[in-house]
Amino acid sequence: MRYMKITIENSKKKNPPLQIEVADSFFARLRGLMGRRSLAPADGLLLVPCSSVHMCFMRFAIDVVYLDKDYRIRKIVPGLRPWIGVSWCSGAGSALELEAGRAAAEGIRVGQKLLLVNA
């Protein structure tokens, strides 16, 4: 699995970078966060490509941040519930899954862009 650190363009909050796991193969996207008990506050999962998310077999709620092909935020779905949650975003190229409440805590807004941090 590949990892990267990101920050949010023009964020009002000055939080440390998020540690993002990249799921860019069929099986990595299929597995997603299933089977995990939680997601650490500064961690996330980037599903590439992805325009929809289901919560089957999930144990915890998440925030979903949909991104276009340039990693600009198109839609934010806060607190998607386990087992029954489903969401989609027309035109999205990827989806970033974060712990529930993290999008608001990071000050993430539609129109901002994800930026790769040089590690």
C-alpha atoms as a PDB file:
ATOM      1  CA  MET A   1       0.000   0.000   0.000  1.00  0.00           C
ATOM      2  CA  ARG A   2       1.209   3.490  -0.830  1.00  0.00           C
ATOM      3  CA  TYR A   3       1.026   6.423   1.599  1.00  0.00           C
ATOM      4  CA  MET A   4       1.252  10.179   1.199  1.00  0.00           C
ATOM      5  CA  LYS A   5       0.913  13.253   3.382  1.00  0.00           C
ATOM      6  CA  ILE A   6      -1.505  15.992   2.395  1.00  0.00           C
ATOM      7  CA  THR A   7      -2.643  19.403   3.535  1.00  0.00           C
ATOM      8  CA  ILE A   8      -5.662  21.421   2.467  1.00  0.00           C
ATOM      9  CA  GLU A   9      -5.187  24.516   0.285  1.00  0.00           C
ATOM     10  CA  ASN A  10      -6.154  27.791   1.990  1.00  0.00           C
ATOM     11  CA  SER A  11      -7.231  26.039   5.184  1.00  0.00           C
ATOM     12  CA  LYS A  12      -8.212  28.354   8.031  1.00  0.00           C
ATOM     13  CA  LYS A  13      -6.871  25.718  10.433  1.00  0.00           C
ATOM     14  CA  LYS A  14      -3.148  25.053  10.739  1.00  0.00           C
ATOM     15  CA  ASN A  15      -3.328  21.341  11.522  1.00  0.00           C
ATOM     16  CA  PRO A  16      -0.437  18.981  10.802  1.00  0.00           C
ATOM     17  CA  PRO A  17      -0.580  17.092   7.474  1.00  0.00           C
ATOM     18  CA  LEU A  18      -2.887  14.095   7.179  1.00  0.00           C
ATOM     19  CA  GLN A  19      -1.344  10.653   6.588  1.00  0.00           C
ATOM     20  CA  ILE A  20      -3.295   9.167   3.673  1.00  0.00           C
ATOM     21  CA  GLU A  21      -3.292   5.553   2.521  1.00  0.00           C
ATOM     22  CA  VAL A  22      -3.884   5.300  -1.243  1.00  0.00           C
ATOM     23  CA  ALA A  23      -6.183   2.550  -2.517  1.00  0.00           C
ATOM     24  CA  ASP A  24      -5.644   2.583  -6.276  1.00  0.00           C
ATOM     25  CA  SER A  25      -6.147  -1.070  -7.184  1.00  0.00           C
ATOM     26  CA  PHE A  26      -9.431  -2.955  -7.514  1.00  0.00           C
ATOM     27  CA  PHE A  27      -8.859  -5.086  -4.426  1.00  0.00           C
ATOM     28  CA  ALA A  28      -7.585  -2.214  -2.265  1.00  0.00           C
ATOM     29  CA  ARG A  29     -10.694  -0.154  -3.150  1.00  0.00           C
ATOM     30  CA  LEU A  30     -12.961  -3.168  -2.592  1.00  0.00           C
ATOM     31  CA  ARG A  31     -11.529  -3.744   0.895  1.00  0.00           C
ATOM     32  CA  GLY A  32     -11.424  -0.044   1.775  1.00  0.00           C
ATOM     33  CA  LEU A  33     -11.889   0.409   5.511  1.00  0.00           C
ATOM     34  CA  MET A  34     -13.891  -2.791   6.002  1.00  0.00           C
ATOM     35  CA  GLY A  35     -12.710  -4.889   8.921  1.00  0.00           C
ATOM     36  CA  ARG A  36     -11.062  -1.995  10.723  1.00  0.00           C
ATOM     37  CA  ARG A  37     -12.363  -0.907  14.116  1.00  0.00           C
ATOM     38  CA  SER A  38     -11.503   2.778  13.681  1.00  0.00           C
ATOM     39  CA  LEU A  39      -9.490   5.321  11.772  1.00  0.00           C
ATOM     40  CA  ALA A  40      -6.900   7.456  13.568  1.00  0.00           C
ATOM     41  CA  PRO A  41      -7.663  11.211  13.664  1.00  0.00           C
ATOM     42  CA  ALA A  42      -4.831  12.192  11.321  1.00  0.00           C
ATOM     43  CA  ASP A  43      -5.278   9.221   8.948  1.00  0.00           C
ATOM     44  CA  GLY A  44      -7.409   8.731   5.866  1.00  0.00           C
ATOM     45  CA  LEU A  45      -7.976   6.503   2.859  1.00  0.00           C
ATOM     46  CA  LEU A  46      -7.956   7.873  -0.695  1.00  0.00           C
ATOM     47  CA  LEU A  47      -9.919   5.724  -3.150  1.00  0.00           C
ATOM     48  CA  VAL A  48      -8.776   6.277  -6.757  1.00  0.00           C
ATOM     49  CA  PRO A  49     -10.812   6.180  -8.980  1.00  0.00           C
ATOM     50  CA  CYS A  50     -14.051   6.528  -7.023  1.00  0.00           C
ATOM     51  CA  SER A  51     -17.338   8.404  -7.369  1.00  0.00           C
ATOM     52  CA  SER A  52     -19.446   6.505  -4.804  1.00  0.00           C
ATOM     53  CA  VAL A  53     -19.068   4.924  -1.367  1.00  0.00           C
ATOM     54  CA  HIS A  54     -21.097   2.273   0.465  1.00  0.00           C
ATOM     55  CA  MET A  55     -20.868   1.454   4.156  1.00  0.00           C
ATOM     56  CA  CYS A  56     -21.599  -2.282   4.035  1.00  0.00           C
ATOM     57  CA  PHE A  57     -19.588  -4.203   6.640  1.00  0.00           C
ATOM     58  CA  MET A  58     -18.252  -0.974   8.177  1.00  0.00           C
ATOM     59  CA  ARG A  59     -18.021  -0.586  11.971  1.00  0.00           C
ATOM     60  CA  PHE A  60     -17.784   3.209  12.309  1.00  0.00           C
ATOM     61  CA  ALA A  61     -19.009   6.429  10.699  1.00  0.00           C
ATOM     62  CA  ILE A  62     -16.777   8.411   8.329  1.00  0.00           C
ATOM     63  CA  ASP A  63     -16.638  11.705   6.484  1.00  0.00           C
ATOM     64  CA  VAL A  64     -16.303  11.360   2.707  1.00  0.00           C
ATOM     65  CA  VAL A  65     -14.633  14.115   0.694  1.00  0.00           C
ATOM     66  CA  TYR A  66     -15.168  13.753  -3.072  1.00  0.00           C
ATOM     67  CA  LEU A  67     -12.470  15.184  -5.337  1.00  0.00           C
ATOM     68  CA  ASP A  68     -12.244  15.952  -9.046  1.00  0.00           C
ATOM     69  CA  LYS A  69      -9.322  14.806 -11.231  1.00  0.00           C
ATOM     70  CA  ASP A  70      -7.237  17.781 -10.028  1.00  0.00           C
ATOM     71  CA  TYR A  71      -7.934  16.922  -6.335  1.00  0.00           C
ATOM     72  CA  ARG A  72     -10.247  19.914  -5.893  1.00  0.00           C
ATOM     73  CA  ILE A  73     -13.051  19.226  -3.407  1.00  0.00           C
ATOM     74  CA  ARG A  74     -16.447  18.804  -5.076  1.00  0.00           C
ATOM     75  CA  LYS A  75     -18.591  17.482  -2.212  1.00  0.00           C
ATOM     76  CA  ILE A  76     -18.329  16.666   1.495  1.00  0.00           C
ATOM     77  CA  VAL A  77     -20.531  14.026   3.138  1.00  0.00           C
ATOM     78  CA  PRO A  78     -20.176  14.249   6.931  1.00  0.00           C
ATOM     79  CA  GLY A  79     -20.912  11.350   9.277  1.00  0.00           C
ATOM     80  CA  LEU A  80     -21.807   8.632   6.776  1.00  0.00           C
ATOM     81  CA  ARG A  81     -23.243   5.882   8.975  1.00  0.00           C
ATOM     82  CA  PRO A  82     -22.022   2.277   9.083  1.00  0.00           C
ATOM     83  CA  TRP A  83     -24.040  -0.442   7.340  1.00  0.00           C
ATOM     84  CA  ILE A  84     -26.748   1.853   5.930  1.00  0.00           C
ATOM     85  CA  GLY A  85     -24.814   4.783   4.454  1.00  0.00           C
ATOM     86  CA  VAL A  86     -24.438   5.287   0.706  1.00  0.00           C
ATOM     87  CA  SER A  87     -23.247   8.378  -1.133  1.00  0.00           C
ATOM     88  CA  TRP A  88     -22.091   9.429  -4.591  1.00  0.00           C
ATOM     89  CA  CYS A  89     -20.857  12.476  -6.434  1.00  0.00           C
ATOM     90  CA  SER A  90     -21.291  12.877 -10.160  1.00  0.00           C
ATOM     91  CA  GLY A  91     -18.001  13.792 -11.804  1.00  0.00           C
ATOM     92  CA  ALA A  92     -15.806  12.803  -8.859  1.00  0.00           C
ATOM     93  CA  GLY A  93     -12.484  11.183  -9.676  1.00  0.00           C
ATOM     94  CA  SER A  94     -11.627  10.049  -6.158  1.00  0.00           C
ATOM     95  CA  ALA A  95     -12.933   9.942  -2.601  1.00  0.00           C
ATOM     96  CA  LEU A  96     -11.084  10.654   0.628  1.00  0.00           C
ATOM     97  CA  GLU A  97     -12.429   8.809   3.684  1.00  0.00           C
ATOM     98  CA  LEU A  98     -11.718  10.383   7.078  1.00  0.00           C
ATOM     99  CA  GLU A  99     -12.880   9.704  10.632  1.00  0.00           C
ATOM    100  CA  ALA A 100     -16.317  11.218  11.295  1.00  0.00           C
ATOM    101  CA  GLY A 101     -16.004  14.906  12.179  1.00  0.00           C
ATOM    102  CA  ARG A 102     -12.485  15.253  10.746  1.00  0.00           C
ATOM    103  CA  ALA A 103     -13.574  17.283   7.668  1.00  0.00           C
ATOM    104  CA  ALA A 104     -15.043  19.996   9.922  1.00  0.00           C
ATOM    105  CA  ALA A 105     -12.092  19.806  12.344  1.00  0.00           C
ATOM    106  CA  GLU A 106      -9.671  20.337   9.436  1.00  0.00           C
ATOM    107  CA  GLY A 107     -11.759  23.231   8.085  1.00  0.00           C
ATOM    108  CA  ILE A 108     -12.304  21.436   4.772  1.00  0.00           C
ATOM    109  CA  ARG A 109     -14.618  23.267   2.345  1.00  0.00           C
ATOM    110  CA  VAL A 110     -15.897  22.656  -1.175  1.00  0.00           C
ATOM    111  CA  GLY A 111     -13.587  24.298  -3.723  1.00  0.00           C
ATOM    112  CA  GLN A 112     -10.365  23.772  -1.767  1.00  0.00           C
ATOM    113  CA  LYS A 113      -7.641  21.565  -3.173  1.00  0.00           C
ATOM    114  CA  LEU A 114      -5.624  18.744  -1.592  1.00  0.00           C
ATOM    115  CA  LEU A 115      -1.887  19.439  -1.670  1.00  0.00           C
ATOM    116  CA  LEU A 116       0.833  16.811  -1.441  1.00  0.00           C
ATOM    117  CA  VAL A 117       3.388  17.528   1.283  1.00  0.00           C
ATOM    118  CA  ASN A 118       7.026  16.902   0.365  1.00  0.00           C
ATOM    119  CA  ALA A 119       8.228  14.384   2.911  1.00  0.00           C
END
